[in-house]
Amino acid sequence: MSEIDLIATIPVPADRLPAASALLLAYGELVRAEPGNLRFEAYRDRDSGAMVVVERYRDQAAFDAHLTNPANAEFNGKLAEVLDGGGSSLQMLEPLG
Protein backbone atom coordinates (compact mmCIF):
# COMPACT_ATOMS: atom_id res chain seq x y z
CA MET A 1 0.00 0.00 0.00
CA SER A 2 1.24 3.42 -0.89
CA GLU A 3 0.16 6.51 0.99
CA ILE A 4 -1.26 9.44 -0.97
CA ASP A 5 0.24 12.83 -0.12
CA LEU A 6 -0.89 16.12 -1.57
CA ILE A 7 -0.98 19.86 -1.12
CA ALA A 8 -4.14 21.77 -1.98
CA THR A 9 -3.74 25.49 -2.63
CA ILE A 10 -6.75 27.79 -2.56
CA PRO A 11 -6.23 31.40 -3.65
CA VAL A 12 -8.34 33.64 -1.41
CA PRO A 13 -8.77 37.42 -1.57
CA ALA A 14 -8.10 38.99 1.84
CA ASP A 15 -11.69 40.15 2.22
CA ARG A 16 -12.97 36.58 1.77
CA LEU A 17 -10.45 34.91 4.09
CA PRO A 18 -12.63 34.88 7.23
CA ALA A 19 -15.51 33.10 5.48
CA ALA A 20 -13.26 30.76 3.47
CA SER A 21 -11.12 29.80 6.44
CA ALA A 22 -14.19 29.09 8.60
CA LEU A 23 -15.46 26.71 5.90
CA LEU A 24 -12.07 25.03 5.58
CA LEU A 25 -11.59 24.56 9.32
CA ALA A 26 -15.05 23.01 9.71
CA TYR A 27 -14.44 20.78 6.70
CA GLY A 28 -11.10 19.72 8.14
CA GLU A 29 -12.87 18.26 11.18
CA LEU A 30 -14.94 16.06 8.87
CA VAL A 31 -11.96 14.97 6.78
CA ARG A 32 -9.86 14.05 9.82
CA ALA A 33 -12.71 11.75 10.89
CA GLU A 34 -12.58 9.80 7.62
CA PRO A 35 -11.19 6.30 8.24
CA GLY A 36 -8.37 6.60 5.67
CA ASN A 37 -7.26 10.15 6.45
CA LEU A 38 -3.87 10.37 8.17
CA ARG A 39 -3.27 14.13 7.93
CA PHE A 40 -5.22 17.29 7.19
CA GLU A 41 -3.45 20.50 8.19
CA ALA A 42 -4.60 23.94 7.07
CA TYR A 43 -2.27 26.93 6.69
CA ARG A 44 -2.20 30.40 5.17
CA ASP A 45 0.65 31.23 2.83
CA ARG A 46 2.31 34.34 4.28
CA ASP A 47 3.30 35.67 0.87
CA SER A 48 0.28 35.02 -1.34
CA GLY A 49 -2.47 34.85 1.29
CA ALA A 50 -3.68 31.55 -0.16
CA MET A 51 -5.01 28.82 2.07
CA VAL A 52 -2.81 25.73 1.86
CA VAL A 53 -3.81 22.25 3.01
CA VAL A 54 -1.38 19.38 3.53
CA GLU A 55 -3.17 16.02 3.30
CA ARG A 56 -2.26 12.35 3.59
CA TYR A 57 -4.43 9.31 2.96
CA ARG A 58 -3.69 5.70 3.84
CA ASP A 59 -3.91 4.55 0.20
CA GLN A 60 -5.59 5.23 -3.14
CA ALA A 61 -8.85 3.64 -1.96
CA ALA A 62 -8.97 6.01 1.03
CA PHE A 63 -8.29 9.00 -1.20
CA ASP A 64 -10.98 7.87 -3.66
CA ALA A 65 -13.43 7.51 -0.76
CA HIS A 66 -12.54 11.03 0.34
CA LEU A 67 -13.21 12.40 -3.15
CA THR A 68 -16.61 10.70 -3.38
CA ASN A 69 -17.70 11.68 0.14
CA PRO A 70 -20.74 13.99 -0.20
CA ALA A 71 -19.09 16.35 2.31
CA ASN A 72 -16.35 17.00 -0.27
CA ALA A 73 -18.83 18.19 -2.90
CA GLU A 74 -20.70 20.24 -0.31
CA PHE A 75 -17.50 21.96 0.84
CA ASN A 76 -16.36 22.70 -2.71
CA GLY A 77 -19.79 24.12 -3.57
CA LYS A 78 -19.83 26.43 -0.56
CA LEU A 79 -16.23 27.46 -1.18
CA ALA A 80 -17.02 28.29 -4.80
CA GLU A 81 -19.87 30.54 -3.58
CA VAL A 82 -17.54 32.39 -1.21
CA LEU A 83 -14.83 32.72 -3.86
CA ASP A 84 -17.11 33.51 -6.82
CA GLY A 85 -16.35 30.21 -8.53
CA GLY A 86 -12.79 29.78 -7.30
CA GLY A 87 -11.45 26.57 -5.85
CA SER A 88 -8.35 24.59 -5.13
CA SER A 89 -5.49 23.25 -7.19
CA LEU A 90 -3.91 19.98 -6.14
CA GLN A 91 -0.22 19.16 -6.10
CA MET A 92 0.23 15.38 -5.84
CA LEU A 93 3.46 14.37 -4.10
CA GLU A 94 5.75 11.35 -4.37
CA PRO A 95 8.56 10.39 -2.02
CA LEU A 96 12.03 10.81 -3.54
CA GLY A 97 13.39 7.65 -2.06
PDB file of N, CA and C in Angstrom:
ATOM      1  N   MET A   1       0.829  -1.180   0.000  1.00  0.00           N
ATOM      2  CA  MET A   1       0.000   0.000   0.000  1.00  0.00           C
ATOM      3  C   MET A   1       0.873   1.243   0.000  1.00  0.00           C
ATOM      4  N   SER A   2       0.486   2.185  -0.794  1.00  0.00           N
ATOM      5  CA  SER A   2       1.245   3.416  -0.892  1.00  0.00           C
ATOM      6  C   SER A   2       0.374   4.580  -0.430  1.00  0.00           C
ATOM      7  N   GLU A   3       0.904   5.357   0.498  1.00  0.00           N
ATOM      8  CA  GLU A   3       0.161   6.506   0.992  1.00  0.00           C
ATOM      9  C   GLU A   3       0.038   7.558  -0.100  1.00  0.00           C
ATOM     10  N   ILE A   4      -1.014   8.342  -0.036  1.00  0.00           N
ATOM     11  CA  ILE A   4      -1.263   9.435  -0.969  1.00  0.00           C
ATOM     12  C   ILE A   4      -1.025  10.742  -0.224  1.00  0.00           C
ATOM     13  N   ASP A   5      -0.084  11.533  -0.708  1.00  0.00           N
ATOM     14  CA  ASP A   5       0.238  12.831  -0.116  1.00  0.00           C
ATOM     15  C   ASP A   5      -0.051  13.919  -1.136  1.00  0.00           C
ATOM     16  N   LEU A   6      -0.609  15.023  -0.674  1.00  0.00           N
ATOM     17  CA  LEU A   6      -0.889  16.124  -1.572  1.00  0.00           C
ATOM     18  C   LEU A   6      -0.946  17.449  -0.829  1.00  0.00           C
ATOM     19  N   ILE A   7      -0.819  18.498  -1.616  1.00  0.00           N
ATOM     20  CA  ILE A   7      -0.984  19.859  -1.125  1.00  0.00           C
ATOM     21  C   ILE A   7      -2.083  20.489  -1.964  1.00  0.00           C
ATOM     22  N   ALA A   8      -3.080  21.026  -1.297  1.00  0.00           N
ATOM     23  CA  ALA A   8      -4.140  21.766  -1.976  1.00  0.00           C
ATOM     24  C   ALA A   8      -3.922  23.247  -1.709  1.00  0.00           C
ATOM     25  N   THR A   9      -3.915  24.047  -2.754  1.00  0.00           N
ATOM     26  CA  THR A   9      -3.739  25.491  -2.629  1.00  0.00           C
ATOM     27  C   THR A   9      -5.006  26.178  -3.104  1.00  0.00           C
ATOM     28  N   ILE A  10      -5.510  27.094  -2.272  1.00  0.00           N
ATOM     29  CA  ILE A  10      -6.755  27.787  -2.562  1.00  0.00           C
ATOM     30  C   ILE A  10      -6.498  29.288  -2.505  1.00  0.00           C
ATOM     31  N   PRO A  11      -6.404  29.944  -3.658  1.00  0.00           N
ATOM     32  CA  PRO A  11      -6.233  31.402  -3.646  1.00  0.00           C
ATOM     33  C   PRO A  11      -7.468  32.062  -3.036  1.00  0.00           C
ATOM     34  N   VAL A  12      -7.236  32.992  -2.109  1.00  0.00           N
ATOM     35  CA  VAL A  12      -8.341  33.642  -1.410  1.00  0.00           C
ATOM     36  C   VAL A  12      -8.054  35.140  -1.280  1.00  0.00           C
ATOM     37  N   PRO A  13      -8.937  35.992  -1.805  1.00  0.00           N
ATOM     38  CA  PRO A  13      -8.770  37.419  -1.568  1.00  0.00           C
ATOM     39  C   PRO A  13      -8.889  37.714  -0.065  1.00  0.00           C
ATOM     40  N   ALA A  14      -8.144  38.681   0.408  1.00  0.00           N
ATOM     41  CA  ALA A  14      -8.098  38.986   1.845  1.00  0.00           C
ATOM     42  C   ALA A  14      -9.483  39.221   2.431  1.00  0.00           C
ATOM     43  N   ASP A  15     -10.367  39.862   1.683  1.00  0.00           N
ATOM     44  CA  ASP A  15     -11.694  40.154   2.222  1.00  0.00           C
ATOM     45  C   ASP A  15     -12.582  38.920   2.334  1.00  0.00           C
ATOM     46  N   ARG A  16     -12.181  37.825   1.705  1.00  0.00           N
ATOM     47  CA  ARG A  16     -12.966  36.580   1.765  1.00  0.00           C
ATOM     48  C   ARG A  16     -12.338  35.558   2.713  1.00  0.00           C
ATOM     49  N   LEU A  17     -11.161  35.876   3.246  1.00  0.00           N
ATOM     50  CA  LEU A  17     -10.447  34.910   4.088  1.00  0.00           C
ATOM     51  C   LEU A  17     -11.242  34.470   5.310  1.00  0.00           C
ATOM     52  N   PRO A  18     -11.891  35.361   6.054  1.00  0.00           N
ATOM     53  CA  PRO A  18     -12.631  34.884   7.233  1.00  0.00           C
ATOM     54  C   PRO A  18     -13.682  33.826   6.888  1.00  0.00           C
ATOM     55  N   ALA A  19     -14.468  34.065   5.859  1.00  0.00           N
ATOM     56  CA  ALA A  19     -15.510  33.100   5.484  1.00  0.00           C
ATOM     57  C   ALA A  19     -14.899  31.816   4.933  1.00  0.00           C
ATOM     58  N   ALA A  20     -13.885  31.941   4.072  1.00  0.00           N
ATOM     59  CA  ALA A  20     -13.262  30.758   3.466  1.00  0.00           C
ATOM     60  C   ALA A  20     -12.546  29.918   4.519  1.00  0.00           C
ATOM     61  N   SER A  21     -11.847  30.568   5.433  1.00  0.00           N
ATOM     62  CA  SER A  21     -11.116  29.798   6.443  1.00  0.00           C
ATOM     63  C   SER A  21     -12.077  29.113   7.412  1.00  0.00           C
ATOM     64  N   ALA A  22     -13.206  29.744   7.731  1.00  0.00           N
ATOM     65  CA  ALA A  22     -14.195  29.092   8.596  1.00  0.00           C
ATOM     66  C   ALA A  22     -14.728  27.826   7.933  1.00  0.00           C
ATOM     67  N   LEU A  23     -15.004  27.908   6.635  1.00  0.00           N
ATOM     68  CA  LEU A  23     -15.455  26.713   5.898  1.00  0.00           C
ATOM     69  C   LEU A  23     -14.397  25.625   5.923  1.00  0.00           C
ATOM     70  N   LEU A  24     -13.155  26.009   5.646  1.00  0.00           N
ATOM     71  CA  LEU A  24     -12.069  25.030   5.579  1.00  0.00           C
ATOM     72  C   LEU A  24     -11.826  24.367   6.931  1.00  0.00           C
ATOM     73  N   LEU A  25     -11.840  25.138   7.991  1.00  0.00           N
ATOM     74  CA  LEU A  25     -11.590  24.563   9.316  1.00  0.00           C
ATOM     75  C   LEU A  25     -12.696  23.596   9.719  1.00  0.00           C
ATOM     76  N   ALA A  26     -13.944  23.923   9.414  1.00  0.00           N
ATOM     77  CA  ALA A  26     -15.055  23.015   9.709  1.00  0.00           C
ATOM     78  C   ALA A  26     -14.952  21.751   8.860  1.00  0.00           C
ATOM     79  N   TYR A  27     -14.607  21.921   7.597  1.00  0.00           N
ATOM     80  CA  TYR A  27     -14.444  20.783   6.698  1.00  0.00           C
ATOM     81  C   TYR A  27     -13.304  19.878   7.167  1.00  0.00           C
ATOM     82  N   GLY A  28     -12.243  20.484   7.642  1.00  0.00           N
ATOM     83  CA  GLY A  28     -11.105  19.715   8.138  1.00  0.00           C
ATOM     84  C   GLY A  28     -11.489  18.749   9.243  1.00  0.00           C
ATOM     85  N   GLU A  29     -12.405  19.157  10.108  1.00  0.00           N
ATOM     86  CA  GLU A  29     -12.868  18.262  11.179  1.00  0.00           C
ATOM     87  C   GLU A  29     -13.513  17.013  10.584  1.00  0.00           C
ATOM     88  N   LEU A  30     -14.297  17.198   9.529  1.00  0.00           N
ATOM     89  CA  LEU A  30     -14.940  16.062   8.872  1.00  0.00           C
ATOM     90  C   LEU A  30     -13.915  15.156   8.196  1.00  0.00           C
ATOM     91  N   VAL A  31     -12.962  15.756   7.505  1.00  0.00           N
ATOM     92  CA  VAL A  31     -11.963  14.971   6.779  1.00  0.00           C
ATOM     93  C   VAL A  31     -11.100  14.166   7.747  1.00  0.00           C
ATOM     94  N   ARG A  32     -10.697  14.773   8.855  1.00  0.00           N
ATOM     95  CA  ARG A  32      -9.865  14.052   9.825  1.00  0.00           C
ATOM     96  C   ARG A  32     -10.602  12.857  10.431  1.00  0.00           C
ATOM     97  N   ALA A  33     -11.924  12.871  10.378  1.00  0.00           N
ATOM     98  CA  ALA A  33     -12.713  11.750  10.895  1.00  0.00           C
ATOM     99  C   ALA A  33     -12.872  10.620   9.872  1.00  0.00           C
ATOM    100  N   GLU A  34     -12.489  10.859   8.630  1.00  0.00           N
ATOM    101  CA  GLU A  34     -12.580   9.803   7.620  1.00  0.00           C
ATOM    102  C   GLU A  34     -11.607   8.686   7.984  1.00  0.00           C
ATOM    103  N   PRO A  35     -12.034   7.428   7.828  1.00  0.00           N
ATOM    104  CA  PRO A  35     -11.188   6.299   8.241  1.00  0.00           C
ATOM    105  C   PRO A  35      -9.797   6.268   7.608  1.00  0.00           C
ATOM    106  N   GLY A  36      -9.662   6.680   6.357  1.00  0.00           N
ATOM    107  CA  GLY A  36      -8.374   6.599   5.673  1.00  0.00           C
ATOM    108  C   GLY A  36      -7.540   7.861   5.707  1.00  0.00           C
ATOM    109  N   ASN A  37      -8.019   8.899   6.393  1.00  0.00           N
ATOM    110  CA  ASN A  37      -7.256  10.147   6.453  1.00  0.00           C
ATOM    111  C   ASN A  37      -6.208  10.050   7.550  1.00  0.00           C
ATOM    112  N   LEU A  38      -4.969  10.392   7.204  1.00  0.00           N
ATOM    113  CA  LEU A  38      -3.871  10.373   8.171  1.00  0.00           C
ATOM    114  C   LEU A  38      -3.399  11.774   8.537  1.00  0.00           C
ATOM    115  N   ARG A  39      -3.747  12.765   7.686  1.00  0.00           N
ATOM    116  CA  ARG A  39      -3.270  14.131   7.933  1.00  0.00           C
ATOM    117  C   ARG A  39      -4.135  15.120   7.159  1.00  0.00           C
ATOM    118  N   PHE A  40      -4.521  16.180   7.823  1.00  0.00           N
ATOM    119  CA  PHE A  40      -5.216  17.293   7.190  1.00  0.00           C
ATOM    120  C   PHE A  40      -4.864  18.527   8.005  1.00  0.00           C
ATOM    121  N   GLU A  41      -3.927  19.310   7.490  1.00  0.00           N
ATOM    122  CA  GLU A  41      -3.451  20.498   8.194  1.00  0.00           C
ATOM    123  C   GLU A  41      -3.657  21.705   7.300  1.00  0.00           C
ATOM    124  N   ALA A  42      -4.293  22.735   7.843  1.00  0.00           N
ATOM    125  CA  ALA A  42      -4.596  23.940   7.071  1.00  0.00           C
ATOM    126  C   ALA A  42      -3.673  25.082   7.487  1.00  0.00           C
ATOM    127  N   TYR A  43      -3.189  25.805   6.488  1.00  0.00           N
ATOM    128  CA  TYR A  43      -2.272  26.933   6.694  1.00  0.00           C
ATOM    129  C   TYR A  43      -2.698  28.105   5.813  1.00  0.00           C
ATOM    130  N   ARG A  44      -2.077  29.230   6.050  1.00  0.00           N
ATOM    131  CA  ARG A  44      -2.205  30.399   5.174  1.00  0.00           C
ATOM    132  C   ARG A  44      -0.803  30.745   4.697  1.00  0.00           C
ATOM    133  N   ASP A  45      -0.638  30.842   3.397  1.00  0.00           N
ATOM    134  CA  ASP A  45       0.651  31.229   2.825  1.00  0.00           C
ATOM    135  C   ASP A  45       0.904  32.695   3.167  1.00  0.00           C
ATOM    136  N   ARG A  46       2.010  32.969   3.847  1.00  0.00           N
ATOM    137  CA  ARG A  46       2.311  34.337   4.278  1.00  0.00           C
ATOM    138  C   ARG A  46       2.499  35.295   3.113  1.00  0.00           C
ATOM    139  N   ASP A  47       3.013  34.798   2.004  1.00  0.00           N
ATOM    140  CA  ASP A  47       3.300  35.669   0.867  1.00  0.00           C
ATOM    141  C   ASP A  47       2.075  35.923  -0.010  1.00  0.00           C
ATOM    142  N   SER A  48       1.393  34.869  -0.394  1.00  0.00           N
ATOM    143  CA  SER A  48       0.277  35.019  -1.341  1.00  0.00           C
ATOM    144  C   SER A  48      -1.072  35.207  -0.662  1.00  0.00           C
ATOM    145  N   GLY A  49      -1.183  34.797   0.602  1.00  0.00           N
ATOM    146  CA  GLY A  49      -2.465  34.853   1.294  1.00  0.00           C
ATOM    147  C   GLY A  49      -3.349  33.652   1.016  1.00  0.00           C
ATOM    148  N   ALA A  50      -2.894  32.738   0.161  1.00  0.00           N
ATOM    149  CA  ALA A  50      -3.683  31.553  -0.165  1.00  0.00           C
ATOM    150  C   ALA A  50      -3.793  30.632   1.047  1.00  0.00           C
ATOM    151  N   MET A  51      -4.892  29.891   1.081  1.00  0.00           N
ATOM    152  CA  MET A  51      -5.012  28.816   2.067  1.00  0.00           C
ATOM    153  C   MET A  51      -4.305  27.599   1.471  1.00  0.00           C
ATOM    154  N   VAL A  52      -3.569  26.894   2.305  1.00  0.00           N
ATOM    155  CA  VAL A  52      -2.813  25.725   1.864  1.00  0.00           C
ATOM    156  C   VAL A  52      -3.144  24.571   2.803  1.00  0.00           C
ATOM    157  N   VAL A  53      -3.472  23.431   2.218  1.00  0.00           N
ATOM    158  CA  VAL A  53      -3.813  22.250   3.012  1.00  0.00           C
ATOM    159  C   VAL A  53      -2.843  21.131   2.662  1.00  0.00           C
ATOM    160  N   VAL A  54      -2.262  20.528   3.692  1.00  0.00           N
ATOM    161  CA  VAL A  54      -1.384  19.377   3.529  1.00  0.00           C
ATOM    162  C   VAL A  54      -2.192  18.159   3.956  1.00  0.00           C
ATOM    163  N   GLU A  55      -2.325  17.196   3.033  1.00  0.00           N
ATOM    164  CA  GLU A  55      -3.169  16.025   3.296  1.00  0.00           C
ATOM    165  C   GLU A  55      -2.403  14.731   3.063  1.00  0.00           C
ATOM    166  N   ARG A  56      -2.811  13.701   3.793  1.00  0.00           N
ATOM    167  CA  ARG A  56      -2.261  12.355   3.591  1.00  0.00           C
ATOM    168  C   ARG A  56      -3.402  11.352   3.800  1.00  0.00           C
ATOM    169  N   TYR A  57      -3.435  10.385   2.892  1.00  0.00           N
ATOM    170  CA  TYR A  57      -4.428   9.312   2.963  1.00  0.00           C
ATOM    171  C   TYR A  57      -3.701   7.976   2.980  1.00  0.00           C
ATOM    172  N   ARG A  58      -4.301   7.017   3.636  1.00  0.00           N
ATOM    173  CA  ARG A  58      -3.691   5.699   3.838  1.00  0.00           C
ATOM    174  C   ARG A  58      -3.300   5.049   2.520  1.00  0.00           C
ATOM    175  N   ASP A  59      -4.164   5.170   1.497  1.00  0.00           N
ATOM    176  CA  ASP A  59      -3.910   4.551   0.198  1.00  0.00           C
ATOM    177  C   ASP A  59      -4.851   5.163  -0.837  1.00  0.00           C
ATOM    178  N   GLN A  60      -4.760   4.686  -2.064  1.00  0.00           N
ATOM    179  CA  GLN A  60      -5.589   5.228  -3.137  1.00  0.00           C
ATOM    180  C   GLN A  60      -7.074   5.037  -2.847  1.00  0.00           C
ATOM    181  N   ALA A  61      -7.437   3.897  -2.276  1.00  0.00           N
ATOM    182  CA  ALA A  61      -8.847   3.644  -1.962  1.00  0.00           C
ATOM    183  C   ALA A  61      -9.372   4.668  -0.953  1.00  0.00           C
ATOM    184  N   ALA A  62      -8.559   5.014   0.033  1.00  0.00           N
ATOM    185  CA  ALA A  62      -8.967   6.013   1.029  1.00  0.00           C
ATOM    186  C   ALA A  62      -9.117   7.383   0.390  1.00  0.00           C
ATOM    187  N   PHE A  63      -8.206   7.717  -0.517  1.00  0.00           N
ATOM    188  CA  PHE A  63      -8.290   9.002  -1.201  1.00  0.00           C
ATOM    189  C   PHE A  63      -9.521   9.038  -2.105  1.00  0.00           C
ATOM    190  N   ASP A  64      -9.790   7.943  -2.810  1.00  0.00           N
ATOM    191  CA  ASP A  64     -10.976   7.871  -3.663  1.00  0.00           C
ATOM    192  C   ASP A  64     -12.253   8.017  -2.828  1.00  0.00           C
ATOM    193  N   ALA A  65     -12.269   7.380  -1.657  1.00  0.00           N
ATOM    194  CA  ALA A  65     -13.429   7.505  -0.763  1.00  0.00           C
ATOM    195  C   ALA A  65     -13.599   8.951  -0.315  1.00  0.00           C
ATOM    196  N   HIS A  66     -12.492   9.616  -0.037  1.00  0.00           N
ATOM    197  CA  HIS A  66     -12.541  11.026   0.339  1.00  0.00           C
ATOM    198  C   HIS A  66     -13.157  11.857  -0.792  1.00  0.00           C
ATOM    199  N   LEU A  67     -12.716  11.622  -2.013  1.00  0.00           N
ATOM    200  CA  LEU A  67     -13.206  12.402  -3.151  1.00  0.00           C
ATOM    201  C   LEU A  67     -14.694  12.196  -3.405  1.00  0.00           C
ATOM    202  N   THR A  68     -15.200  10.998  -3.126  1.00  0.00           N
ATOM    203  CA  THR A  68     -16.607  10.702  -3.384  1.00  0.00           C
ATOM    204  C   THR A  68     -17.504  10.960  -2.177  1.00  0.00           C
ATOM    205  N   ASN A  69     -16.915  11.351  -1.058  1.00  0.00           N
ATOM    206  CA  ASN A  69     -17.697  11.680   0.137  1.00  0.00           C
ATOM    207  C   ASN A  69     -18.562  12.901  -0.186  1.00  0.00           C
ATOM    208  N   PRO A  70     -19.871  12.838   0.070  1.00  0.00           N
ATOM    209  CA  PRO A  70     -20.737  13.992  -0.202  1.00  0.00           C
ATOM    210  C   PRO A  70     -20.274  15.278   0.494  1.00  0.00           C
ATOM    211  N   ALA A  71     -19.591  15.161   1.618  1.00  0.00           N
ATOM    212  CA  ALA A  71     -19.087  16.353   2.315  1.00  0.00           C
ATOM    213  C   ALA A  71     -18.071  17.094   1.457  1.00  0.00           C
ATOM    214  N   ASN A  72     -17.337  16.379   0.619  1.00  0.00           N
ATOM    215  CA  ASN A  72     -16.353  17.001  -0.266  1.00  0.00           C
ATOM    216  C   ASN A  72     -17.050  17.908  -1.285  1.00  0.00           C
ATOM    217  N   ALA A  73     -18.087  17.395  -1.923  1.00  0.00           N
ATOM    218  CA  ALA A  73     -18.832  18.185  -2.905  1.00  0.00           C
ATOM    219  C   ALA A  73     -19.517  19.372  -2.226  1.00  0.00           C
ATOM    220  N   GLU A  74     -20.036  19.153  -1.038  1.00  0.00           N
ATOM    221  CA  GLU A  74     -20.697  20.244  -0.313  1.00  0.00           C
ATOM    222  C   GLU A  74     -19.704  21.359   0.025  1.00  0.00           C
ATOM    223  N   PHE A  75     -18.528  20.969   0.523  1.00  0.00           N
ATOM    224  CA  PHE A  75     -17.503  21.964   0.841  1.00  0.00           C
ATOM    225  C   PHE A  75     -17.097  22.739  -0.402  1.00  0.00           C
ATOM    226  N   ASN A  76     -16.805  22.036  -1.483  1.00  0.00           N
ATOM    227  CA  ASN A  76     -16.363  22.701  -2.709  1.00  0.00           C
ATOM    228  C   ASN A  76     -17.440  23.635  -3.255  1.00  0.00           C
ATOM    229  N   GLY A  77     -18.702  23.258  -3.137  1.00  0.00           N
ATOM    230  CA  GLY A  77     -19.791  24.121  -3.573  1.00  0.00           C
ATOM    231  C   GLY A  77     -19.871  25.392  -2.748  1.00  0.00           C
ATOM    232  N   LYS A  78     -19.787  25.250  -1.438  1.00  0.00           N
ATOM    233  CA  LYS A  78     -19.830  26.425  -0.558  1.00  0.00           C
ATOM    234  C   LYS A  78     -18.607  27.310  -0.768  1.00  0.00           C
ATOM    235  N   LEU A  79     -17.447  26.692  -0.949  1.00  0.00           N
ATOM    236  CA  LEU A  79     -16.232  27.459  -1.176  1.00  0.00           C
ATOM    237  C   LEU A  79     -16.328  28.242  -2.484  1.00  0.00           C
ATOM    238  N   ALA A  80     -16.861  27.613  -3.514  1.00  0.00           N
ATOM    239  CA  ALA A  80     -17.021  28.291  -4.798  1.00  0.00           C
ATOM    240  C   ALA A  80     -17.943  29.504  -4.662  1.00  0.00           C
ATOM    241  N   GLU A  81     -18.973  29.397  -3.823  1.00  0.00           N
ATOM    242  CA  GLU A  81     -19.865  30.539  -3.583  1.00  0.00           C
ATOM    243  C   GLU A  81     -19.098  31.686  -2.935  1.00  0.00           C
ATOM    244  N   VAL A  82     -18.311  31.363  -1.925  1.00  0.00           N
ATOM    245  CA  VAL A  82     -17.543  32.391  -1.212  1.00  0.00           C
ATOM    246  C   VAL A  82     -16.510  33.032  -2.126  1.00  0.00           C
ATOM    247  N   LEU A  83     -15.921  32.237  -3.011  1.00  0.00           N
ATOM    248  CA  LEU A  83     -14.831  32.720  -3.860  1.00  0.00           C
ATOM    249  C   LEU A  83     -15.285  33.058  -5.285  1.00  0.00           C
ATOM    250  N   ASP A  84     -16.580  33.200  -5.487  1.00  0.00           N
ATOM    251  CA  ASP A  84     -17.109  33.514  -6.819  1.00  0.00           C
ATOM    252  C   ASP A  84     -16.609  32.532  -7.874  1.00  0.00           C
ATOM    253  N   GLY A  85     -16.724  31.252  -7.569  1.00  0.00           N
ATOM    254  CA  GLY A  85     -16.353  30.213  -8.528  1.00  0.00           C
ATOM    255  C   GLY A  85     -14.959  29.659  -8.351  1.00  0.00           C
ATOM    256  N   GLY A  86     -14.157  30.262  -7.503  1.00  0.00           N
ATOM    257  CA  GLY A  86     -12.789  29.783  -7.297  1.00  0.00           C
ATOM    258  C   GLY A  86     -12.762  28.473  -6.534  1.00  0.00           C
ATOM    259  N   GLY A  87     -11.615  27.831  -6.555  1.00  0.00           N
ATOM    260  CA  GLY A  87     -11.454  26.568  -5.849  1.00  0.00           C
ATOM    261  C   GLY A  87      -9.994  26.259  -5.650  1.00  0.00           C
ATOM    262  N   SER A  88      -9.715  24.995  -5.454  1.00  0.00           N
ATOM    263  CA  SER A  88      -8.345  24.587  -5.128  1.00  0.00           C
ATOM    264  C   SER A  88      -7.641  23.973  -6.323  1.00  0.00           C
ATOM    265  N   SER A  89      -6.321  24.011  -6.263  1.00  0.00           N
ATOM    266  CA  SER A  89      -5.492  23.246  -7.189  1.00  0.00           C
ATOM    267  C   SER A  89      -4.721  22.245  -6.346  1.00  0.00           C
ATOM    268  N   LEU A  90      -4.573  21.043  -6.885  1.00  0.00           N
ATOM    269  CA  LEU A  90      -3.905  19.975  -6.141  1.00  0.00           C
ATOM    270  C   LEU A  90      -2.511  19.737  -6.684  1.00  0.00           C
ATOM    271  N   GLN A  91      -1.592  19.529  -5.766  1.00  0.00           N
ATOM    272  CA  GLN A  91      -0.222  19.157  -6.101  1.00  0.00           C
ATOM    273  C   GLN A  91       0.001  17.782  -5.482  1.00  0.00           C
ATOM    274  N   MET A  92       0.036  16.744  -6.313  1.00  0.00           N
ATOM    275  CA  MET A  92       0.231  15.379  -5.840  1.00  0.00           C
ATOM    276  C   MET A  92       1.724  15.152  -5.611  1.00  0.00           C
ATOM    277  N   LEU A  93       2.063  14.534  -4.488  1.00  0.00           N
ATOM    278  CA  LEU A  93       3.458  14.366  -4.099  1.00  0.00           C
ATOM    279  C   LEU A  93       3.872  12.909  -4.141  1.00  0.00           C
ATOM    280  N   GLU A  94       5.148  12.674  -4.413  1.00  0.00           N
ATOM    281  CA  GLU A  94       5.749  11.345  -4.369  1.00  0.00           C
ATOM    282  C   GLU A  94       7.026  11.424  -3.563  1.00  0.00           C
ATOM    283  N   PRO A  95       7.295  10.412  -2.747  1.00  0.00           N
ATOM    284  CA  PRO A  95       8.561  10.392  -2.025  1.00  0.00           C
ATOM    285  C   PRO A  95       9.742  10.279  -3.000  1.00  0.00           C
ATOM    286  N   LEU A  96      10.833  10.896  -2.678  1.00  0.00           N
ATOM    287  CA  LEU A  96      12.028  10.808  -3.536  1.00  0.00           C
ATOM    288  C   LEU A  96      12.717   9.453  -3.417  1.00  0.00           C
ATOM    289  N   GLY A  97      12.653   8.886  -2.252  1.00  0.00           N
ATOM    290  CA  GLY A  97      13.395   7.647  -2.059  1.00  0.00           C
ATOM    291  C   GLY A  97      12.573   6.429  -1.999  1.00  0.00           C
TER     292      GLY A  97
END
